[in-house]
């Protein structure tokens, strides 16, 4: 599945509920998922890491949908490597 397809799936699945919740409460859920990812990283549990990255990606897509941001378009900022130096790998100081 590509990024645009995933974002569309999240919209079809959750957008109605997300609109009722609103942008700031959805952002709060995203931040909570960052905390859960942090805990999974400390525990170094591969299954938990995979699950928390998945949840974080889903909440990011939901928030992007509410804000009218196409994540695939947003990702193009990095399509040529580092947006500052243009390097792959980055050679910024």
Protein backbone atom coordinates (compact mmCIF):
# COMPACT_ATOMS: atom_id res chain seq x y z
CA UNK A 1 0.00 0.00 0.00
CA UNK A 2 1.34 3.44 -0.86
CA UNK A 3 1.09 6.48 1.41
CA UNK A 4 -1.81 8.06 -0.48
CA UNK A 5 -3.75 4.78 -0.41
CA UNK A 6 -3.16 4.47 3.33
CA UNK A 7 -4.30 8.03 3.96
CA UNK A 8 -7.42 7.40 1.88
CA UNK A 9 -8.14 4.22 3.83
CA UNK A 10 -7.87 6.14 7.10
CA UNK A 11 -10.26 8.78 5.73
CA UNK A 12 -12.82 6.20 4.67
CA UNK A 13 -12.50 4.42 8.00
CA UNK A 14 -12.26 7.29 10.49
CA UNK A 15 -12.85 10.73 8.94
CA UNK A 16 -16.45 11.10 10.11
CA UNK A 17 -15.44 10.27 13.69
CA UNK A 18 -12.30 12.44 13.43
CA UNK A 19 -14.35 15.45 12.29
CA UNK A 20 -16.62 15.09 15.32
CA UNK A 21 -13.58 14.86 17.60
CA UNK A 22 -11.80 17.82 15.99
CA UNK A 23 -8.23 18.69 15.16
CA UNK A 24 -6.82 19.39 18.63
CA UNK A 25 -8.20 16.26 20.31
CA UNK A 26 -6.95 14.22 17.33
CA UNK A 27 -3.55 15.85 17.74
CA UNK A 28 -3.64 14.87 21.44
CA UNK A 29 -4.19 11.22 20.42
CA UNK A 30 -1.22 11.49 18.05
CA UNK A 31 0.96 12.80 20.88
CA UNK A 32 -0.22 9.96 23.14
CA UNK A 33 0.87 7.49 20.46
CA UNK A 34 4.33 9.11 20.43
CA UNK A 35 4.50 8.37 24.15
CA UNK A 36 3.51 4.76 23.54
CA UNK A 37 6.19 4.48 20.87
CA UNK A 38 8.70 5.85 23.36
CA UNK A 39 7.74 3.15 25.86
CA UNK A 40 8.05 0.44 23.18
CA UNK A 41 11.50 1.74 22.28
CA UNK A 42 12.63 1.61 25.92
CA UNK A 43 11.37 -1.97 26.18
CA UNK A 44 12.98 -2.83 22.82
CA UNK A 45 10.07 -5.12 21.93
CA UNK A 46 9.87 -5.64 18.14
CA UNK A 47 6.15 -6.53 18.17
CA UNK A 48 5.27 -3.48 20.29
CA UNK A 49 7.45 -1.25 18.11
CA UNK A 50 5.68 -2.43 14.97
CA UNK A 51 2.26 -1.87 16.56
CA UNK A 52 3.10 1.59 17.88
CA UNK A 53 4.61 2.73 14.57
CA UNK A 54 1.42 1.52 12.90
CA UNK A 55 -0.80 3.42 15.35
CA UNK A 56 1.32 6.54 15.04
CA UNK A 57 1.09 6.43 11.25
CA UNK A 58 -2.69 5.99 11.43
CA UNK A 59 -3.15 8.97 13.76
CA UNK A 60 -0.81 11.09 11.59
CA UNK A 61 -2.91 10.25 8.53
CA UNK A 62 -6.10 11.08 10.43
CA UNK A 63 -4.74 14.45 11.51
CA UNK A 64 -3.47 15.18 8.00
CA UNK A 65 -6.95 14.41 6.65
CA UNK A 66 -8.50 16.87 9.10
CA UNK A 67 -5.96 19.53 8.14
CA UNK A 68 -6.34 18.96 4.39
CA UNK A 69 -2.73 17.83 3.96
CA UNK A 70 -1.85 15.15 1.40
CA UNK A 71 0.95 13.18 3.07
CA UNK A 72 2.29 11.93 -0.24
CA UNK A 73 2.66 15.54 -1.41
CA UNK A 74 4.23 16.49 1.92
CA UNK A 75 6.74 13.64 1.63
CA UNK A 76 8.01 15.08 -1.68
CA UNK A 77 9.99 17.61 0.39
CA UNK A 78 12.46 14.75 0.97
CA UNK A 79 12.28 13.11 -2.46
CA UNK A 80 15.75 14.29 -3.47
CA UNK A 81 17.35 13.64 -0.09
CA UNK A 82 18.08 16.24 2.55
CA UNK A 83 16.03 19.36 1.76
CA UNK A 84 18.89 21.60 2.96
CA UNK A 85 22.02 20.14 1.39
CA UNK A 86 20.40 17.81 -1.16
CA UNK A 87 22.65 14.99 -0.02
CA UNK A 88 21.96 11.29 0.32
CA UNK A 89 23.19 10.76 2.96
CA UNK A 90 22.80 14.20 4.47
CA UNK A 91 26.07 16.10 4.69
CA UNK A 92 24.80 19.04 6.74
CA UNK A 93 27.15 19.98 9.58
